[in-house]
Amino acid sequence: VQLQASGGGLVQAGGSLRLSCVASGQLFRTYVMDWYRQAPGKQRELVATITSGKITNYADSVKGRFTLSRDNAKSTVYLQMDSLRPEDTAIYYCHTMGHWGQGTQVTVSS
């Protein structure tokens, strides 16, 4: 499985970004997909998960601000990030079954 993430950038606090992750493979609809993030000097942490049945789960730190969705026809997951905070600054990685995307940088300025 290959994962291609995109959508990061620089945004002011309170702003929004949408990350995308396109996956290869014909069984995308069966994949559990995750987004992780890693801030400088910190461990990688799980941000959000979506199951094949579109059930989502979020880290407490992003609950109510981030929304994870999937479009199986496009083999893509989307992480909509609203009300961004400086502490959301990190490299964001999509992941499934031990496979990682290349990461996309999100920087939130205060």
C-alpha atoms as a PDB file:
ATOM      1  CA  VAL A   1       0.000   0.000   0.000  1.00  0.00           C
ATOM      2  CA  GLN A   2       1.287   3.434  -0.899  1.00  0.00           C
ATOM      3  CA  LEU A   3      -0.008   6.576   0.762  1.00  0.00           C
ATOM      4  CA  GLN A   4       0.287  10.114  -0.585  1.00  0.00           C
ATOM      5  CA  ALA A   5      -0.536  12.923   1.832  1.00  0.00           C
ATOM      6  CA  SER A   6      -1.095  16.560   0.929  1.00  0.00           C
ATOM      7  CA  GLY A   7      -2.750  19.736   2.118  1.00  0.00           C
ATOM      8  CA  GLY A   8      -0.453  21.036   4.815  1.00  0.00           C
ATOM      9  CA  GLY A   9       0.641  24.628   5.070  1.00  0.00           C
ATOM     10  CA  LEU A  10       0.925  27.734   7.202  1.00  0.00           C
ATOM     11  CA  VAL A  11      -2.201  29.129   8.821  1.00  0.00           C
ATOM     12  CA  GLN A  12      -3.015  31.565  11.590  1.00  0.00           C
ATOM     13  CA  ALA A  13      -4.516  30.388  14.849  1.00  0.00           C
ATOM     14  CA  GLY A  14      -8.250  29.898  14.455  1.00  0.00           C
ATOM     15  CA  GLY A  15      -7.907  29.011  10.795  1.00  0.00           C
ATOM     16  CA  SER A  16      -8.589  25.802   8.920  1.00  0.00           C
ATOM     17  CA  LEU A  17      -6.783  23.308   6.726  1.00  0.00           C
ATOM     18  CA  ARG A  18      -7.847  20.111   5.015  1.00  0.00           C
ATOM     19  CA  LEU A  19      -5.388  17.264   4.659  1.00  0.00           C
ATOM     20  CA  SER A  20      -5.859  14.539   2.076  1.00  0.00           C
ATOM     21  CA  CYS A  21      -4.360  11.082   1.833  1.00  0.00           C
ATOM     22  CA  VAL A  22      -4.721   8.957  -1.280  1.00  0.00           C
ATOM     23  CA  ALA A  23      -4.099   5.241  -0.935  1.00  0.00           C
ATOM     24  CA  SER A  24      -3.183   2.677  -3.550  1.00  0.00           C
ATOM     25  CA  GLY A  25      -4.774  -0.750  -3.623  1.00  0.00           C
ATOM     26  CA  GLN A  26      -8.157  -2.015  -4.653  1.00  0.00           C
ATOM     27  CA  LEU A  27      -9.229  -2.880  -1.124  1.00  0.00           C
ATOM     28  CA  PHE A  28      -9.154   0.686   0.203  1.00  0.00           C
ATOM     29  CA  ARG A  29     -12.745   0.405   1.410  1.00  0.00           C
ATOM     30  CA  THR A  30     -11.625  -2.256   3.899  1.00  0.00           C
ATOM     31  CA  TYR A  31      -8.716  -0.288   5.333  1.00  0.00           C
ATOM     32  CA  VAL A  32      -8.743   1.309   8.749  1.00  0.00           C
ATOM     33  CA  MET A  33      -7.086   4.670   8.133  1.00  0.00           C
ATOM     34  CA  ASP A  34      -5.327   6.853  10.681  1.00  0.00           C
ATOM     35  CA  TRP A  35      -3.723  10.239  10.931  1.00  0.00           C
ATOM     36  CA  TYR A  36      -0.787  10.713  13.269  1.00  0.00           C
ATOM     37  CA  ARG A  37       1.269  13.797  13.993  1.00  0.00           C
ATOM     38  CA  GLN A  38       4.722  14.491  15.331  1.00  0.00           C
ATOM     39  CA  ALA A  39       5.766  17.824  16.751  1.00  0.00           C
ATOM     40  CA  PRO A  40       9.441  18.756  17.157  1.00  0.00           C
ATOM     41  CA  GLY A  41      10.957  16.967  20.121  1.00  0.00           C
ATOM     42  CA  LYS A  42       7.819  14.941  20.773  1.00  0.00           C
ATOM     43  CA  GLN A  43       6.690  11.410  20.061  1.00  0.00           C
ATOM     44  CA  ARG A  44       4.370  10.632  17.203  1.00  0.00           C
ATOM     45  CA  GLU A  45       0.782  10.600  18.428  1.00  0.00           C
ATOM     46  CA  LEU A  46      -2.469   9.274  17.034  1.00  0.00           C
ATOM     47  CA  VAL A  47      -4.832  12.061  15.985  1.00  0.00           C
ATOM     48  CA  ALA A  48      -7.812  10.303  14.414  1.00  0.00           C
ATOM     49  CA  THR A  49      -8.974   6.957  13.051  1.00  0.00           C
ATOM     50  CA  ILE A  50     -11.716   5.945  10.636  1.00  0.00           C
ATOM     51  CA  THR A  51     -12.859   2.377  10.167  1.00  0.00           C
ATOM     52  CA  SER A  52     -14.143   0.704   7.027  1.00  0.00           C
ATOM     53  CA  GLY A  53     -17.626   1.380   8.376  1.00  0.00           C
ATOM     54  CA  LYS A  54     -16.792   5.097   8.715  1.00  0.00           C
ATOM     55  CA  ILE A  55     -16.721   5.037  12.497  1.00  0.00           C
ATOM     56  CA  THR A  56     -14.338   7.703  13.718  1.00  0.00           C
ATOM     57  CA  ASN A  57     -12.324   8.213  16.860  1.00  0.00           C
ATOM     58  CA  TYR A  58     -10.301  11.252  17.883  1.00  0.00           C
ATOM     59  CA  ALA A  59      -7.635  12.232  20.334  1.00  0.00           C
ATOM     60  CA  ASP A  60      -9.047  14.355  23.129  1.00  0.00           C
ATOM     61  CA  SER A  61      -6.847  17.250  22.040  1.00  0.00           C
ATOM     62  CA  VAL A  62      -8.595  17.537  18.653  1.00  0.00           C
ATOM     63  CA  LYS A  63     -12.099  16.330  19.463  1.00  0.00           C
ATOM     64  CA  GLY A  64     -14.696  18.822  18.263  1.00  0.00           C
ATOM     65  CA  ARG A  65     -12.193  20.614  16.009  1.00  0.00           C
ATOM     66  CA  PHE A  66     -11.007  17.930  13.565  1.00  0.00           C
ATOM     67  CA  THR A  67     -13.205  15.786  11.333  1.00  0.00           C
ATOM     68  CA  LEU A  68     -11.984  12.654   9.558  1.00  0.00           C
ATOM     69  CA  SER A  69     -13.892  11.330   6.572  1.00  0.00           C
ATOM     70  CA  ARG A  70     -13.313   8.977   3.652  1.00  0.00           C
ATOM     71  CA  ASP A  71     -14.339   8.718   0.039  1.00  0.00           C
ATOM     72  CA  ASN A  72     -13.948   5.112  -0.994  1.00  0.00           C
ATOM     73  CA  ALA A  73     -14.589   5.897  -4.653  1.00  0.00           C
ATOM     74  CA  LYS A  74     -11.477   8.102  -4.608  1.00  0.00           C
ATOM     75  CA  SER A  75      -9.458   5.934  -2.191  1.00  0.00           C
ATOM     76  CA  THR A  76      -8.961   9.073  -0.144  1.00  0.00           C
ATOM     77  CA  VAL A  77      -9.318  10.146   3.465  1.00  0.00           C
ATOM     78  CA  TYR A  78      -9.712  13.770   4.478  1.00  0.00           C
ATOM     79  CA  LEU A  79      -8.786  15.395   7.766  1.00  0.00           C
ATOM     80  CA  GLN A  80     -10.649  18.673   8.128  1.00  0.00           C
ATOM     81  CA  MET A  81      -8.927  20.751  10.776  1.00  0.00           C
ATOM     82  CA  ASP A  82     -10.774  23.760  12.161  1.00  0.00           C
ATOM     83  CA  SER A  83     -10.055  26.176  14.986  1.00  0.00           C
ATOM     84  CA  LEU A  84      -6.373  25.404  14.650  1.00  0.00           C
ATOM     85  CA  ARG A  85      -4.043  26.204  17.523  1.00  0.00           C
ATOM     86  CA  PRO A  86      -0.272  26.719  17.642  1.00  0.00           C
ATOM     87  CA  GLU A  87       0.010  23.405  19.492  1.00  0.00           C
ATOM     88  CA  ASP A  88      -1.374  21.656  16.394  1.00  0.00           C
ATOM     89  CA  THR A  89       1.884  22.472  14.613  1.00  0.00           C
ATOM     90  CA  ALA A  90       3.441  19.187  13.542  1.00  0.00           C
ATOM     91  CA  ILE A  91       4.157  16.910  10.633  1.00  0.00           C
ATOM     92  CA  TYR A  92       0.999  14.939   9.902  1.00  0.00           C
ATOM     93  CA  TYR A  93       1.224  11.376   8.616  1.00  0.00           C
ATOM     94  CA  CYS A  94      -1.471   9.100   7.250  1.00  0.00           C
ATOM     95  CA  HIS A  95      -1.169   5.431   8.077  1.00  0.00           C
ATOM     96  CA  THR A  96      -2.754   2.083   7.434  1.00  0.00           C
ATOM     97  CA  MET A  97      -1.649  -1.464   8.245  1.00  0.00           C
ATOM     98  CA  GLY A  98       1.928  -0.454   9.012  1.00  0.00           C
ATOM     99  CA  HIS A  99       2.276   1.699   5.903  1.00  0.00           C
ATOM    100  CA  TRP A 100       3.044   5.414   6.240  1.00  0.00           C
ATOM    101  CA  GLY A 101       2.635   8.374   3.988  1.00  0.00           C
ATOM    102  CA  GLN A 102       5.463  10.847   3.553  1.00  0.00           C
ATOM    103  CA  GLY A 103       4.093  13.428   5.977  1.00  0.00           C
ATOM    104  CA  THR A 104       2.807  16.935   5.413  1.00  0.00           C
ATOM    105  CA  GLN A 105       3.813  19.931   7.507  1.00  0.00           C
ATOM    106  CA  VAL A 106       1.161  21.927   9.339  1.00  0.00           C
ATOM    107  CA  THR A 107       2.271  25.171  10.968  1.00  0.00           C
ATOM    108  CA  VAL A 108      -0.116  27.292  13.005  1.00  0.00           C
ATOM    109  CA  SER A 109       1.068  30.774  13.907  1.00  0.00           C
ATOM    110  CA  SER A 110      -0.171  32.632  16.959  1.00  0.00           C
END
